[in-house]
Amino acid sequence: MGVSYPDKVLSLFLIAPLPLVEPREVTDGRQEIYDFWVQGWSKYPDLDEAAFKEALVGGSQLAYNNVHTTFSDALTEYTIPQGMRNYNRDRLDEYHTMSVKFFADRTPHSLEKLRRIKFPVRLVQCGGDVAYPIAFAQELLQRLLDAGVDADLDVVEGAPHFGTVTHFKEFNPRIHDFIISHTTDDVPPAPKVVTSPFDLVSLDLDWTPETDEMTYIDLEDWQREYSFDFRAALDWAYPLPP
């Protein structure tokens, strides 16, 4: 967006920015998650729940490392049925494009294209990102600086790739301060009560925002103990024809 339509962008705040080129080992990990997802559908109308669970574990490891909160677990339970509907056995090619090819086939923007960016850019590295260590963000920053872009880099220590889910207390003030620092108009007072359009509390998914604290668990323990009713999710997302 910033390169293609720079006149429509005032600033960019990029959290866990993708590297210039996707690392081969990350592509392999994404492919493995995809392969397990495909295997999960291989016995349809029966499900290979063990394969689905392996895909879920791989995705969770990429997103959260071994950090879990009631919010991240609620998001997982909410998105599994969505995924089974959007990427069912008839849409596996689309799923591969979205989850693997989009990342693996990217190429870096040329310096000529990056010079179109005439607005400030803040890169925010998730310090605990297992897929993309800080060296990739530093390389991207240098690329932007070489193109003459007003760019800088911040780090949220310990945050996994989906750091806004687990480290929202660190991210929210950063987002607020960045926007305010680049706002020239008067800012109206914030509302006293803000309700999320994704109010997971109403979904009865055991999210407890008042006491939502991070817990660090062993991935193998989580894989062994975690259970999910994939059949119920399938019946909601992809019902059998009458």
C-alpha atoms as a PDB file:
ATOM      1  CA  MET A   1       0.000   0.000   0.000  1.00  0.00           C
ATOM      2  CA  GLY A   2       2.711   2.450   0.970  1.00  0.00           C
ATOM      3  CA  VAL A   3       4.669   1.734  -2.214  1.00  0.00           C
ATOM      4  CA  SER A   4       1.744   1.438  -4.621  1.00  0.00           C
ATOM      5  CA  TYR A   5      -0.377   4.318  -3.268  1.00  0.00           C
ATOM      6  CA  PRO A   6       1.960   6.536  -1.251  1.00  0.00           C
ATOM      7  CA  ASP A   7      -0.370   9.530  -1.563  1.00  0.00           C
ATOM      8  CA  LYS A   8      -3.013   7.643   0.426  1.00  0.00           C
ATOM      9  CA  VAL A   9      -0.740   6.772   3.374  1.00  0.00           C
ATOM     10  CA  LEU A  10       0.307   9.158   6.156  1.00  0.00           C
ATOM     11  CA  SER A  11       2.495   6.766   8.149  1.00  0.00           C
ATOM     12  CA  LEU A  12       3.266   3.078   8.626  1.00  0.00           C
ATOM     13  CA  PHE A  13       3.535   1.210  11.935  1.00  0.00           C
ATOM     14  CA  LEU A  14       4.680  -2.295  11.024  1.00  0.00           C
ATOM     15  CA  ILE A  15       4.558  -4.942  13.747  1.00  0.00           C
ATOM     16  CA  ALA A  16       6.629  -8.114  13.202  1.00  0.00           C
ATOM     17  CA  PRO A  17       7.564  -7.004   9.674  1.00  0.00           C
ATOM     18  CA  LEU A  18       8.336  -9.708   7.168  1.00  0.00           C
ATOM     19  CA  PRO A  19      11.961  -9.983   6.040  1.00  0.00           C
ATOM     20  CA  LEU A  20      13.101  -8.974   2.584  1.00  0.00           C
ATOM     21  CA  VAL A  21      13.237 -12.662   1.611  1.00  0.00           C
ATOM     22  CA  GLU A  22      11.441 -15.480   3.419  1.00  0.00           C
ATOM     23  CA  PRO A  23      13.951 -17.804   5.152  1.00  0.00           C
ATOM     24  CA  ARG A  24      13.932 -21.309   3.732  1.00  0.00           C
ATOM     25  CA  GLU A  25      13.425 -22.918   7.131  1.00  0.00           C
ATOM     26  CA  VAL A  26      10.336 -20.787   7.758  1.00  0.00           C
ATOM     27  CA  THR A  27       8.903 -21.755   4.377  1.00  0.00           C
ATOM     28  CA  ASP A  28       9.519 -25.402   5.273  1.00  0.00           C
ATOM     29  CA  GLY A  29       7.674 -24.897   8.556  1.00  0.00           C
ATOM     30  CA  ARG A  30       4.713 -23.279   6.820  1.00  0.00           C
ATOM     31  CA  GLN A  31       4.652 -26.123   4.301  1.00  0.00           C
ATOM     32  CA  GLU A  32       4.642 -28.687   7.109  1.00  0.00           C
ATOM     33  CA  ILE A  33       1.644 -27.002   8.738  1.00  0.00           C
ATOM     34  CA  TYR A  34      -0.130 -27.038   5.379  1.00  0.00           C
ATOM     35  CA  ASP A  35       0.678 -30.715   4.793  1.00  0.00           C
ATOM     36  CA  PHE A  36      -0.825 -31.679   8.150  1.00  0.00           C
ATOM     37  CA  TRP A  37      -3.938 -29.634   7.351  1.00  0.00           C
ATOM     38  CA  VAL A  38      -4.328 -31.462   4.030  1.00  0.00           C
ATOM     39  CA  GLN A  39      -3.849 -34.790   5.785  1.00  0.00           C
ATOM     40  CA  GLY A  40      -6.599 -33.837   8.201  1.00  0.00           C
ATOM     41  CA  TRP A  41      -9.082 -33.812   5.309  1.00  0.00           C
ATOM     42  CA  SER A  42      -7.728 -36.944   3.622  1.00  0.00           C
ATOM     43  CA  LYS A  43     -10.292 -39.316   5.184  1.00  0.00           C
ATOM     44  CA  TYR A  44     -13.329 -37.078   4.704  1.00  0.00           C
ATOM     45  CA  PRO A  45     -16.117 -37.374   5.825  1.00  0.00           C
ATOM     46  CA  ASP A  46     -14.026 -38.762   8.665  1.00  0.00           C
ATOM     47  CA  LEU A  47     -11.333 -36.480  10.030  1.00  0.00           C
ATOM     48  CA  ASP A  48      -7.717 -37.206  10.854  1.00  0.00           C
ATOM     49  CA  GLU A  49      -7.846 -35.285  14.103  1.00  0.00           C
ATOM     50  CA  ALA A  50      -4.232 -36.097  14.969  1.00  0.00           C
ATOM     51  CA  ALA A  51      -3.125 -34.374  11.754  1.00  0.00           C
ATOM     52  CA  PHE A  52      -5.318 -31.342  12.429  1.00  0.00           C
ATOM     53  CA  LYS A  53      -3.831 -31.128  15.895  1.00  0.00           C
ATOM     54  CA  GLU A  54      -0.296 -31.197  14.476  1.00  0.00           C
ATOM     55  CA  ALA A  55      -1.230 -28.301  12.175  1.00  0.00           C
ATOM     56  CA  LEU A  56      -2.669 -26.446  15.141  1.00  0.00           C
ATOM     57  CA  VAL A  57       0.462 -27.004  17.215  1.00  0.00           C
ATOM     58  CA  GLY A  58       2.683 -25.772  14.382  1.00  0.00           C
ATOM     59  CA  GLY A  59       0.599 -22.659  13.888  1.00  0.00           C
ATOM     60  CA  SER A  60       0.565 -21.959  17.608  1.00  0.00           C
ATOM     61  CA  GLN A  61       4.330 -22.338  17.818  1.00  0.00           C
ATOM     62  CA  LEU A  62       4.801 -19.843  14.965  1.00  0.00           C
ATOM     63  CA  ALA A  63       2.341 -17.371  16.453  1.00  0.00           C
ATOM     64  CA  TYR A  64       3.003 -17.596  20.190  1.00  0.00           C
ATOM     65  CA  ASN A  65       6.136 -19.698  20.822  1.00  0.00           C
ATOM     66  CA  ASN A  66       5.347 -21.304  24.167  1.00  0.00           C
ATOM     67  CA  VAL A  67       3.515 -18.236  25.509  1.00  0.00           C
ATOM     68  CA  HIS A  68      -0.189 -18.640  26.167  1.00  0.00           C
ATOM     69  CA  THR A  69      -2.914 -16.449  27.615  1.00  0.00           C
ATOM     70  CA  THR A  70      -6.640 -16.962  27.922  1.00  0.00           C
ATOM     71  CA  PHE A  71      -6.971 -14.500  25.036  1.00  0.00           C
ATOM     72  CA  SER A  72      -4.629 -16.400  22.707  1.00  0.00           C
ATOM     73  CA  ASP A  73      -6.358 -19.676  23.552  1.00  0.00           C
ATOM     74  CA  ALA A  74      -9.773 -18.073  22.934  1.00  0.00           C
ATOM     75  CA  LEU A  75      -8.586 -16.783  19.565  1.00  0.00           C
ATOM     76  CA  THR A  76      -7.382 -20.270  18.669  1.00  0.00           C
ATOM     77  CA  GLU A  77     -10.726 -21.842  19.513  1.00  0.00           C
ATOM     78  CA  TYR A  78     -12.578 -19.130  17.618  1.00  0.00           C
ATOM     79  CA  THR A  79     -10.470 -19.333  14.458  1.00  0.00           C
ATOM     80  CA  ILE A  80     -10.359 -23.115  14.008  1.00  0.00           C
ATOM     81  CA  PRO A  81     -13.989 -23.339  12.784  1.00  0.00           C
ATOM     82  CA  GLN A  82     -13.378 -20.292  10.574  1.00  0.00           C
ATOM     83  CA  GLY A  83     -10.353 -22.026   9.087  1.00  0.00           C
ATOM     84  CA  MET A  84     -12.262 -25.248   8.485  1.00  0.00           C
ATOM     85  CA  ARG A  85     -14.885 -23.274   6.594  1.00  0.00           C
ATOM     86  CA  ASN A  86     -12.560 -20.993   4.619  1.00  0.00           C
ATOM     87  CA  TYR A  87      -9.925 -23.636   3.868  1.00  0.00           C
ATOM     88  CA  ASN A  88     -11.930 -26.823   3.584  1.00  0.00           C
ATOM     89  CA  ARG A  89     -11.040 -29.769   1.351  1.00  0.00           C
ATOM     90  CA  ASP A  90     -12.296 -27.886  -1.732  1.00  0.00           C
ATOM     91  CA  ARG A  91     -10.107 -24.846  -1.049  1.00  0.00           C
ATOM     92  CA  LEU A  92      -6.739 -26.332  -0.227  1.00  0.00           C
ATOM     93  CA  ASP A  93      -5.056 -24.603  -3.166  1.00  0.00           C
ATOM     94  CA  GLU A  94      -6.244 -21.251  -1.849  1.00  0.00           C
ATOM     95  CA  TYR A  95      -4.966 -22.168   1.595  1.00  0.00           C
ATOM     96  CA  HIS A  96      -1.543 -23.022   0.172  1.00  0.00           C
ATOM     97  CA  THR A  97      -1.410 -19.713  -1.685  1.00  0.00           C
ATOM     98  CA  MET A  98      -2.354 -17.796   1.457  1.00  0.00           C
ATOM     99  CA  SER A  99      -0.179 -19.640   3.960  1.00  0.00           C
ATOM    100  CA  VAL A 100       2.901 -20.649   1.942  1.00  0.00           C
ATOM    101  CA  LYS A 101       3.231 -19.169  -1.550  1.00  0.00           C
ATOM    102  CA  PHE A 102       2.395 -15.602  -0.513  1.00  0.00           C
ATOM    103  CA  PHE A 103       5.405 -15.607   1.803  1.00  0.00           C
ATOM    104  CA  ALA A 104       7.788 -17.788  -0.202  1.00  0.00           C
ATOM    105  CA  ASP A 105       7.287 -16.038  -3.543  1.00  0.00           C
ATOM    106  CA  ARG A 106       7.783 -12.482  -2.322  1.00  0.00           C
ATOM    107  CA  THR A 107      10.666 -10.444  -3.706  1.00  0.00           C
ATOM    108  CA  PRO A 108      12.119  -7.271  -2.167  1.00  0.00           C
ATOM    109  CA  HIS A 109      10.966  -3.897  -3.432  1.00  0.00           C
ATOM    110  CA  SER A 110      13.612  -2.059  -5.404  1.00  0.00           C
ATOM    111  CA  LEU A 111      15.161   1.077  -3.945  1.00  0.00           C
ATOM    112  CA  GLU A 112      13.427   2.999  -6.710  1.00  0.00           C
ATOM    113  CA  LYS A 113      10.015   1.842  -5.485  1.00  0.00           C
ATOM    114  CA  LEU A 114      10.886   2.401  -1.830  1.00  0.00           C
ATOM    115  CA  ARG A 115      11.796   6.003  -2.622  1.00  0.00           C
ATOM    116  CA  ARG A 116       8.097   6.610  -3.257  1.00  0.00           C
ATOM    117  CA  ILE A 117       7.576   6.421   0.507  1.00  0.00           C
ATOM    118  CA  LYS A 118       7.443  10.016   1.773  1.00  0.00           C
ATOM    119  CA  PHE A 119       6.039   9.363   5.231  1.00  0.00           C
ATOM    120  CA  PRO A 120       7.458   8.034   8.532  1.00  0.00           C
ATOM    121  CA  VAL A 121       7.805   4.285   9.029  1.00  0.00           C
ATOM    122  CA  ARG A 122       8.154   2.563  12.401  1.00  0.00           C
ATOM    123  CA  LEU A 123       9.246  -1.072  12.441  1.00  0.00           C
ATOM    124  CA  VAL A 124       8.450  -2.935  15.657  1.00  0.00           C
ATOM    125  CA  GLN A 125      10.304  -6.192  16.120  1.00  0.00           C
ATOM    126  CA  CYS A 126       8.839  -8.888  18.361  1.00  0.00           C
ATOM    127  CA  GLY A 127      11.910  -9.779  20.402  1.00  0.00           C
ATOM    128  CA  GLY A 128      10.912 -13.405  20.912  1.00  0.00           C
ATOM    129  CA  ASP A 129       9.885 -14.096  17.317  1.00  0.00           C
ATOM    130  CA  VAL A 130      11.148 -17.614  16.549  1.00  0.00           C
ATOM    131  CA  ALA A 131      10.618 -17.255  12.802  1.00  0.00           C
ATOM    132  CA  TYR A 132      12.119 -13.832  12.185  1.00  0.00           C
ATOM    133  CA  PRO A 133      14.991 -12.792  14.491  1.00  0.00           C
ATOM    134  CA  ILE A 134      15.863  -9.120  14.793  1.00  0.00           C
ATOM    135  CA  ALA A 135      18.572  -9.321  12.113  1.00  0.00           C
ATOM    136  CA  PHE A 136      15.840  -9.454   9.473  1.00  0.00           C
ATOM    137  CA  ALA A 137      14.183  -6.294  10.802  1.00  0.00           C
ATOM    138  CA  GLN A 138      17.549  -4.562  10.913  1.00  0.00           C
ATOM    139  CA  GLU A 139      18.167  -5.533   7.291  1.00  0.00           C
ATOM    140  CA  LEU A 140      14.765  -4.149   6.300  1.00  0.00           C
ATOM    141  CA  LEU A 141      15.443  -0.946   8.222  1.00  0.00           C
ATOM    142  CA  GLN A 142      18.742  -0.450   6.419  1.00  0.00           C
ATOM    143  CA  ARG A 143      17.011  -1.008   3.092  1.00  0.00           C
ATOM    144  CA  LEU A 144      14.495   1.718   3.909  1.00  0.00           C
ATOM    145  CA  LEU A 145      17.209   4.097   5.087  1.00  0.00           C
ATOM    146  CA  ASP A 146      19.188   3.468   1.906  1.00  0.00           C
ATOM    147  CA  ALA A 147      16.092   4.570   0.000  1.00  0.00           C
ATOM    148  CA  GLY A 148      15.908   7.778   2.015  1.00  0.00           C
ATOM    149  CA  VAL A 149      12.848   6.755   4.023  1.00  0.00           C
ATOM    150  CA  ASP A 150      12.261   8.274   7.472  1.00  0.00           C
ATOM    151  CA  ALA A 151      12.323   4.926   9.290  1.00  0.00           C
ATOM    152  CA  ASP A 152      13.311   3.562  12.679  1.00  0.00           C
ATOM    153  CA  LEU A 153      13.144   0.327  14.658  1.00  0.00           C
ATOM    154  CA  ASP A 154      11.693  -0.503  18.067  1.00  0.00           C
ATOM    155  CA  VAL A 155      11.758  -3.851  19.892  1.00  0.00           C
ATOM    156  CA  VAL A 156       9.246  -5.392  22.297  1.00  0.00           C
ATOM    157  CA  GLU A 157      11.365  -7.823  24.258  1.00  0.00           C
ATOM    158  CA  GLY A 158      10.045 -11.355  24.632  1.00  0.00           C
ATOM    159  CA  ALA A 159       7.046 -10.886  22.356  1.00  0.00           C
ATOM    160  CA  PRO A 160       6.283 -13.763  19.958  1.00  0.00           C
ATOM    161  CA  HIS A 161       5.349 -13.234  16.312  1.00  0.00           C
ATOM    162  CA  PHE A 162       1.742 -12.428  17.266  1.00  0.00           C
ATOM    163  CA  GLY A 163       2.990 -10.130  19.991  1.00  0.00           C
ATOM    164  CA  THR A 164      -0.062  -7.873  19.975  1.00  0.00           C
ATOM    165  CA  VAL A 165      -2.066 -10.776  21.398  1.00  0.00           C
ATOM    166  CA  THR A 166       0.275 -11.621  24.269  1.00  0.00           C
ATOM    167  CA  HIS A 167       2.019  -8.271  24.878  1.00  0.00           C
ATOM    168  CA  PHE A 168      -0.809  -5.832  24.242  1.00  0.00           C
ATOM    169  CA  LYS A 169       0.143  -3.791  27.300  1.00  0.00           C
ATOM    170  CA  GLU A 170       3.457  -3.013  25.621  1.00  0.00           C
ATOM    171  CA  PHE A 171       2.105  -2.535  22.098  1.00  0.00           C
ATOM    172  CA  ASN A 172      -0.965  -0.384  22.692  1.00  0.00           C
ATOM    173  CA  PRO A 173       0.916   2.628  24.143  1.00  0.00           C
ATOM    174  CA  ARG A 174       3.453   2.417  21.322  1.00  0.00           C
ATOM    175  CA  ILE A 175       0.723   2.504  18.683  1.00  0.00           C
ATOM    176  CA  HIS A 176      -1.021   5.385  20.450  1.00  0.00           C
ATOM    177  CA  ASP A 177       2.107   7.474  20.860  1.00  0.00           C
ATOM    178  CA  PHE A 178       3.213   6.943  17.255  1.00  0.00           C
ATOM    179  CA  ILE A 179      -0.144   8.020  15.854  1.00  0.00           C
ATOM    180  CA  ILE A 180      -0.374  11.047  18.145  1.00  0.00           C
ATOM    181  CA  SER A 181       3.159  12.121  17.272  1.00  0.00           C
ATOM    182  CA  HIS A 182       2.233  12.243  13.588  1.00  0.00           C
ATOM    183  CA  THR A 183      -1.205  13.828  13.982  1.00  0.00           C
ATOM    184  CA  THR A 184      -1.566  17.517  13.179  1.00  0.00           C
ATOM    185  CA  ASP A 185      -5.302  17.894  13.812  1.00  0.00           C
ATOM    186  CA  ASP A 186      -6.840  18.221  17.250  1.00  0.00           C
ATOM    187  CA  VAL A 187      -7.540  14.825  18.784  1.00  0.00           C
ATOM    188  CA  PRO A 188     -10.968  14.452  20.426  1.00  0.00           C
ATOM    189  CA  PRO A 189     -11.112  12.948  23.917  1.00  0.00           C
ATOM    190  CA  ALA A 190     -11.216   9.180  24.054  1.00  0.00           C
ATOM    191  CA  PRO A 191     -14.516   7.534  24.997  1.00  0.00           C
ATOM    192  CA  LYS A 192     -14.748   6.367  28.569  1.00  0.00           C
ATOM    193  CA  VAL A 193     -15.950   2.917  27.546  1.00  0.00           C
ATOM    194  CA  VAL A 194     -14.638   1.058  24.506  1.00  0.00           C
ATOM    195  CA  THR A 195     -16.212  -2.218  23.386  1.00  0.00           C
ATOM    196  CA  SER A 196     -14.341  -4.433  20.979  1.00  0.00           C
ATOM    197  CA  PRO A 197     -16.257  -5.564  17.872  1.00  0.00           C
ATOM    198  CA  PHE A 198     -14.583  -8.926  18.483  1.00  0.00           C
ATOM    199  CA  ASP A 199     -15.938  -9.297  21.995  1.00  0.00           C
ATOM    200  CA  LEU A 200     -14.801 -12.839  22.691  1.00  0.00           C
ATOM    201  CA  VAL A 201     -16.273 -12.755  26.175  1.00  0.00           C
ATOM    202  CA  SER A 202     -19.719 -13.136  24.634  1.00  0.00           C
ATOM    203  CA  LEU A 203     -18.514 -16.244  22.831  1.00  0.00           C
ATOM    204  CA  ASP A 204     -17.995 -18.051  26.131  1.00  0.00           C
ATOM    205  CA  LEU A 205     -14.426 -18.993  25.305  1.00  0.00           C
ATOM    206  CA  ASP A 206     -13.018 -18.539  28.784  1.00  0.00           C
ATOM    207  CA  TRP A 207     -11.311 -15.231  28.078  1.00  0.00           C
ATOM    208  CA  THR A 208     -10.760 -13.335  31.321  1.00  0.00           C
ATOM    209  CA  PRO A 209      -9.394  -9.896  30.335  1.00  0.00           C
ATOM    210  CA  GLU A 210      -9.197  -8.648  33.907  1.00  0.00           C
ATOM    211  CA  THR A 211      -6.711 -11.350  34.864  1.00  0.00           C
ATOM    212  CA  ASP A 212      -5.218 -12.244  31.500  1.00  0.00           C
ATOM    213  CA  GLU A 213      -1.607 -13.086  32.291  1.00  0.00           C
ATOM    214  CA  MET A 214       0.980 -14.833  30.176  1.00  0.00           C
ATOM    215  CA  THR A 215       1.896 -18.384  31.039  1.00  0.00           C
ATOM    216  CA  TYR A 216       4.909 -20.230  29.680  1.00  0.00           C
ATOM    217  CA  ILE A 217       4.268 -23.877  28.961  1.00  0.00           C
ATOM    218  CA  ASP A 218       6.227 -26.695  27.429  1.00  0.00           C
ATOM    219  CA  LEU A 219       5.042 -27.217  23.860  1.00  0.00           C
ATOM    220  CA  GLU A 220       5.019 -31.001  24.180  1.00  0.00           C
ATOM    221  CA  ASP A 221       2.898 -30.755  27.338  1.00  0.00           C
ATOM    222  CA  TRP A 222       0.461 -28.444  25.568  1.00  0.00           C
ATOM    223  CA  GLN A 223       0.304 -30.762  22.563  1.00  0.00           C
ATOM    224  CA  ARG A 224      -0.412 -33.723  24.829  1.00  0.00           C
ATOM    225  CA  GLU A 225      -3.015 -32.014  27.015  1.00  0.00           C
ATOM    226  CA  TYR A 226      -4.826 -29.732  24.563  1.00  0.00           C
ATOM    227  CA  SER A 227      -8.095 -31.026  23.168  1.00  0.00           C
ATOM    228  CA  PHE A 228     -10.456 -29.596  20.586  1.00  0.00           C
ATOM    229  CA  ASP A 229     -13.665 -30.943  19.092  1.00  0.00           C
ATOM    230  CA  PHE A 230     -12.743 -30.804  15.408  1.00  0.00           C
ATOM    231  CA  ARG A 231     -15.895 -32.712  14.468  1.00  0.00           C
ATOM    232  CA  ALA A 232     -18.125 -30.086  16.069  1.00  0.00           C
ATOM    233  CA  ALA A 233     -16.156 -27.369  14.304  1.00  0.00           C
ATOM    234  CA  LEU A 234     -16.586 -29.190  10.995  1.00  0.00           C
ATOM    235  CA  ASP A 235     -20.334 -29.598  11.488  1.00  0.00           C
ATOM    236  CA  TRP A 236     -20.582 -25.826  11.948  1.00  0.00           C
ATOM    237  CA  ALA A 237     -18.172 -24.826   9.205  1.00  0.00           C
ATOM    238  CA  TYR A 238     -18.684 -27.421   6.498  1.00  0.00           C
ATOM    239  CA  PRO A 239     -21.943 -29.339   7.002  1.00  0.00           C
ATOM    240  CA  LEU A 240     -22.566 -32.476   5.009  1.00  0.00           C
ATOM    241  CA  PRO A 241     -25.207 -32.148   2.285  1.00  0.00           C
ATOM    242  CA  PRO A 242     -28.594 -33.663   3.166  1.00  0.00           C
END
